[in-house]
Amino acid sequence: MDLNKYKNYKIKIIEDANNSKLDYLFSKILVIGDCKVGKSSLIKKITTNKFDTNYKPTKGYEFYNYMVKINDTYVKLQVWDMCGDENYRPALLNLYRNATIGILVYSINDYKSFQNLDTWITQLKKNAPVNNKILLIGNKSDENESREVSYDDGKKICQKYNLELFMEVSSKDGLQSPNFLEISAVNIYEEHLQNGDEMDTTYNNESINLGTVSGKKKFGCC
């Protein structure tokens, strides 16, 4: 992905993502990856501009709304923060089916989370729509002194699976613009322009019963 293209767009984050008076383009974004890689911290940093130092594991999934105005079009994303616990994964596979974009997160100081990318990517490609796009995020770049995964390693995975984008970020240090949700929104906006699709305002409010289920940013374009 050529990140220079974002200079061609006027991108503005809309703070009130729940304002029902506006026309929206809805789309389902999945954030997946192992436990403790910082998925929830990343999403909360983008949506609330707050960094929570207390680790609280996600049970099943959490749901966030995020809206961006691109030129004159409001693109609203449904962001699903998915639990990384292996016990929940079989039940969550059903939620992959309508995903427009999958955001796969690993920690640069947790090599096991990097090794497990193959499994995550395979599951996503198998269960999500054929045209689903995948962004690869290496989190915790502020902890470079304990790094176990090199930047080049992340880029190689991106190239191996022909993913849309690879970037390293830090939810603690902050996310510069364009962040990966802005990138997702522009991807969706461009696809609708190219296909000549009408704006989709269908609110996808899926649910699933889980009661029985036991630094500095770096970019690498692929």
Protein backbone atom coordinates (compact mmCIF):
# COMPACT_ATOMS: atom_id res chain seq x y z
CA MET A 1 0.00 0.00 0.00
CA ASP A 2 1.29 3.44 -0.95
CA LEU A 3 0.82 5.61 2.12
CA ASN A 4 1.43 8.78 0.12
CA LYS A 5 -2.04 8.43 -1.36
CA TYR A 6 -3.57 9.58 1.93
CA LYS A 7 -2.31 13.06 1.18
CA ASN A 8 -4.96 13.16 -1.55
CA TYR A 9 -7.77 12.91 0.98
CA LYS A 10 -9.17 15.25 3.59
CA ILE A 11 -9.49 12.95 6.61
CA LYS A 12 -11.22 14.07 9.79
CA ILE A 13 -12.01 11.92 12.82
CA ILE A 14 -15.61 12.41 14.00
CA GLU A 15 -15.72 12.25 17.79
CA ASP A 16 -19.46 11.56 18.05
CA ALA A 17 -19.52 8.24 16.17
CA ASN A 18 -23.04 7.50 17.44
CA ASN A 19 -24.71 10.56 15.94
CA SER A 20 -27.68 9.02 14.12
CA LYS A 21 -28.49 12.21 12.17
CA LEU A 22 -25.67 11.58 9.69
CA ASP A 23 -25.44 9.19 6.74
CA TYR A 24 -22.97 6.39 7.41
CA LEU A 25 -21.09 3.80 5.52
CA PHE A 26 -20.91 0.86 7.92
CA SER A 27 -18.25 -1.80 7.77
CA LYS A 28 -17.12 -4.60 10.05
CA ILE A 29 -13.49 -4.56 11.21
CA LEU A 30 -12.05 -7.45 13.24
CA VAL A 31 -9.05 -6.95 15.54
CA ILE A 32 -7.51 -10.36 16.28
CA GLY A 33 -4.35 -11.88 17.74
CA ASP A 34 -3.00 -13.63 20.83
CA CYS A 35 -3.78 -12.60 24.39
CA LYS A 36 -1.71 -9.78 25.93
CA VAL A 37 -0.46 -8.32 22.62
CA GLY A 38 -2.32 -5.07 23.34
CA LYS A 39 -5.32 -5.24 21.00
CA SER A 40 -7.70 -3.55 23.42
CA SER A 41 -5.14 -0.88 24.34
CA LEU A 42 -4.70 0.00 20.67
CA ILE A 43 -8.42 0.31 20.02
CA LYS A 44 -9.08 2.31 23.19
CA LYS A 45 -6.17 4.63 22.38
CA ILE A 46 -7.64 5.40 18.97
CA THR A 47 -11.27 5.67 20.05
CA THR A 48 -10.82 7.42 23.42
CA ASN A 49 -7.24 8.76 23.25
CA LYS A 50 -6.54 7.04 26.58
CA PHE A 51 -3.91 4.43 27.46
CA ASP A 52 -4.87 1.94 30.17
CA THR A 53 -1.90 0.35 31.96
CA ASN A 54 -4.08 -2.26 33.68
CA TYR A 55 -4.41 -5.50 31.73
CA LYS A 56 -8.00 -6.72 31.49
CA PRO A 57 -8.51 -9.74 29.20
CA THR A 58 -11.36 -9.44 26.71
CA LYS A 59 -14.14 -11.96 27.29
CA GLY A 60 -15.49 -13.00 23.90
CA TYR A 61 -15.41 -9.64 22.13
CA GLU A 62 -15.91 -5.93 22.70
CA PHE A 63 -17.52 -3.57 20.24
CA TYR A 64 -16.54 0.00 19.30
CA ASN A 65 -17.78 2.56 16.79
CA TYR A 66 -15.31 4.74 14.91
CA MET A 67 -16.16 7.36 12.32
CA VAL A 68 -14.02 9.19 9.80
CA LYS A 69 -15.04 11.86 7.33
CA ILE A 70 -13.18 11.31 4.05
CA ASN A 71 -13.68 14.32 1.79
CA ASP A 72 -17.51 14.61 2.04
CA THR A 73 -18.28 10.99 2.94
CA TYR A 74 -18.80 9.68 6.47
CA VAL A 75 -17.32 6.21 6.88
CA LYS A 76 -18.38 4.47 10.06
CA LEU A 77 -16.51 1.38 11.20
CA GLN A 78 -17.78 -1.31 13.52
CA VAL A 79 -14.62 -2.39 15.32
CA TRP A 80 -14.73 -5.82 16.97
CA ASP A 81 -12.00 -6.42 19.55
CA MET A 82 -11.77 -10.22 19.58
CA CYS A 83 -10.62 -12.35 22.50
CA GLY A 84 -7.29 -14.10 21.90
CA ASP A 85 -7.92 -16.98 24.31
CA GLU A 86 -7.78 -20.34 22.51
CA ASN A 87 -10.88 -21.52 24.39
CA TYR A 88 -13.00 -18.85 22.72
CA ARG A 89 -11.68 -19.13 19.17
CA PRO A 90 -14.02 -21.86 17.84
CA ALA A 91 -17.07 -19.83 18.91
CA LEU A 92 -15.69 -16.62 17.43
CA LEU A 93 -14.99 -18.06 13.98
CA ASN A 94 -18.61 -17.40 13.01
CA LEU A 95 -18.00 -13.66 13.44
CA TYR A 96 -15.36 -13.69 10.69
CA ARG A 97 -17.93 -14.24 7.95
CA ASN A 98 -18.93 -10.63 7.25
CA ALA A 99 -15.60 -8.97 8.05
CA THR A 100 -14.43 -6.37 5.54
CA ILE A 101 -10.97 -5.98 7.08
CA GLY A 102 -9.00 -8.06 9.56
CA ILE A 103 -6.44 -6.25 11.73
CA LEU A 104 -3.97 -8.83 13.03
CA VAL A 105 -1.91 -7.76 16.05
CA TYR A 106 1.21 -9.31 17.58
CA SER A 107 3.70 -7.99 20.14
CA ILE A 108 7.27 -7.28 19.05
CA ASN A 109 8.52 -8.58 22.42
CA ASP A 110 6.52 -11.83 22.34
CA TYR A 111 7.89 -14.23 19.73
CA LYS A 112 5.15 -16.78 20.35
CA SER A 113 2.50 -14.24 19.33
CA PHE A 114 4.47 -13.78 16.11
CA GLN A 115 4.74 -17.54 15.50
CA ASN A 116 0.97 -17.86 15.87
CA LEU A 117 0.34 -15.42 13.02
CA ASP A 118 0.26 -18.30 10.54
CA THR A 119 -2.71 -19.84 12.39
CA TRP A 120 -4.56 -16.53 12.71
CA ILE A 121 -4.10 -15.67 9.02
CA THR A 122 -5.17 -19.15 7.90
CA GLN A 123 -8.33 -19.00 10.04
CA LEU A 124 -9.20 -15.52 8.80
CA LYS A 125 -8.67 -16.38 5.13
CA LYS A 126 -10.71 -19.57 5.52
CA ASN A 127 -13.70 -18.03 7.30
CA ALA A 128 -13.84 -14.41 6.12
CA PRO A 129 -15.08 -13.22 2.70
CA VAL A 130 -12.72 -13.77 -0.24
CA ASN A 131 -12.18 -10.02 -0.68
CA ASN A 132 -11.31 -9.51 3.01
CA LYS A 133 -8.17 -7.42 3.49
CA ILE A 134 -5.65 -8.00 6.28
CA LEU A 135 -3.49 -5.39 8.01
CA LEU A 136 -0.58 -6.62 10.14
CA ILE A 137 0.28 -4.61 13.26
CA GLY A 138 3.41 -5.10 15.38
CA ASN A 139 2.51 -3.53 18.73
CA LYS A 140 4.63 -2.25 21.65
CA SER A 141 7.34 -0.62 19.56
CA ASP A 142 8.11 1.51 22.63
CA GLU A 143 9.59 -1.64 24.25
CA ASN A 144 12.36 -1.99 21.71
CA GLU A 145 14.91 -3.01 24.35
CA SER A 146 13.03 -6.29 24.88
CA ARG A 147 12.29 -6.88 21.21
CA GLU A 148 12.06 -10.53 20.11
CA VAL A 149 10.68 -9.94 16.60
CA SER A 150 12.55 -7.76 14.09
CA TYR A 151 10.86 -5.28 11.80
CA ASP A 152 12.08 -7.29 8.81
CA ASP A 153 10.44 -10.43 10.22
CA GLY A 154 7.10 -8.67 10.29
CA LYS A 155 7.55 -7.39 6.77
CA LYS A 156 8.39 -10.90 5.53
CA ILE A 157 5.10 -12.26 6.91
CA CYS A 158 3.28 -9.42 5.18
CA GLN A 159 4.93 -10.31 1.89
CA LYS A 160 4.47 -14.07 2.37
CA TYR A 161 0.69 -13.76 2.67
CA ASN A 162 0.33 -10.72 0.40
CA LEU A 163 -1.24 -8.66 3.18
CA GLU A 164 -2.49 -5.14 2.65
CA LEU A 165 -0.12 -3.38 5.06
CA PHE A 166 2.44 -3.90 7.80
CA MET A 167 3.24 -1.32 10.46
CA GLU A 168 4.78 -1.15 13.94
CA VAL A 169 3.03 1.03 16.50
CA SER A 170 2.88 1.88 20.19
CA SER A 171 -0.43 2.46 21.94
CA LYS A 172 1.53 3.91 24.87
CA ASP A 173 3.46 6.50 22.87
CA GLY A 174 0.46 7.36 20.71
CA LEU A 175 -0.63 6.67 17.17
CA GLN A 176 0.21 9.16 14.48
CA SER A 177 -2.10 9.83 11.56
CA PRO A 178 -3.01 7.95 9.51
CA ASN A 179 -3.65 5.26 12.12
CA PHE A 180 -4.69 1.80 10.98
CA LEU A 181 -8.41 2.52 11.40
CA GLU A 182 -8.10 5.60 9.19
CA ILE A 183 -6.27 3.41 6.68
CA SER A 184 -9.10 0.87 6.89
CA ALA A 185 -11.69 3.58 6.30
CA VAL A 186 -9.89 4.89 3.21
CA ASN A 187 -9.63 1.34 1.83
CA ILE A 188 -13.38 0.89 2.21
CA TYR A 189 -14.09 4.32 0.75
CA GLU A 190 -11.92 3.65 -2.30
CA GLU A 191 -13.45 0.23 -2.90
CA HIS A 192 -16.96 1.65 -2.92
CA LEU A 193 -15.90 4.38 -5.33
CA GLN A 194 -14.28 1.89 -7.68
CA ASN A 195 -17.24 -0.50 -7.59
CA GLY A 196 -19.82 2.26 -7.87
CA ASP A 197 -21.64 0.83 -4.86
CA GLU A 198 -24.32 2.77 -3.06
CA MET A 199 -23.71 3.63 0.55
CA ASP A 200 -24.41 0.69 2.83
CA THR A 201 -26.22 1.78 5.98
CA THR A 202 -26.96 -1.68 7.34
CA TYR A 203 -26.08 -1.97 10.99
CA ASN A 204 -24.52 -5.36 11.57
CA ASN A 205 -25.27 -6.17 15.20
CA GLU A 206 -24.30 -9.84 15.49
CA SER A 207 -24.08 -11.64 18.80
CA ILE A 208 -22.92 -15.03 19.97
CA ASN A 209 -23.41 -17.04 23.14
CA LEU A 210 -20.04 -17.71 24.76
CA GLY A 211 -21.40 -19.03 28.04
CA THR A 212 -20.48 -22.64 27.28
CA VAL A 213 -17.06 -21.89 25.87
CA SER A 214 -14.41 -22.62 28.42
CA GLY A 215 7.69 3.92 19.98
CA LYS A 216 7.81 5.26 16.92
CA LYS A 217 5.65 4.07 14.11
CA LYS A 218 7.30 2.22 11.26
CA PHE A 219 5.66 1.40 7.98
CA GLY A 220 6.30 -1.42 5.57
CA CYS A 221 4.21 -1.59 2.43
CA CYS A 222 3.50 -4.90 0.77
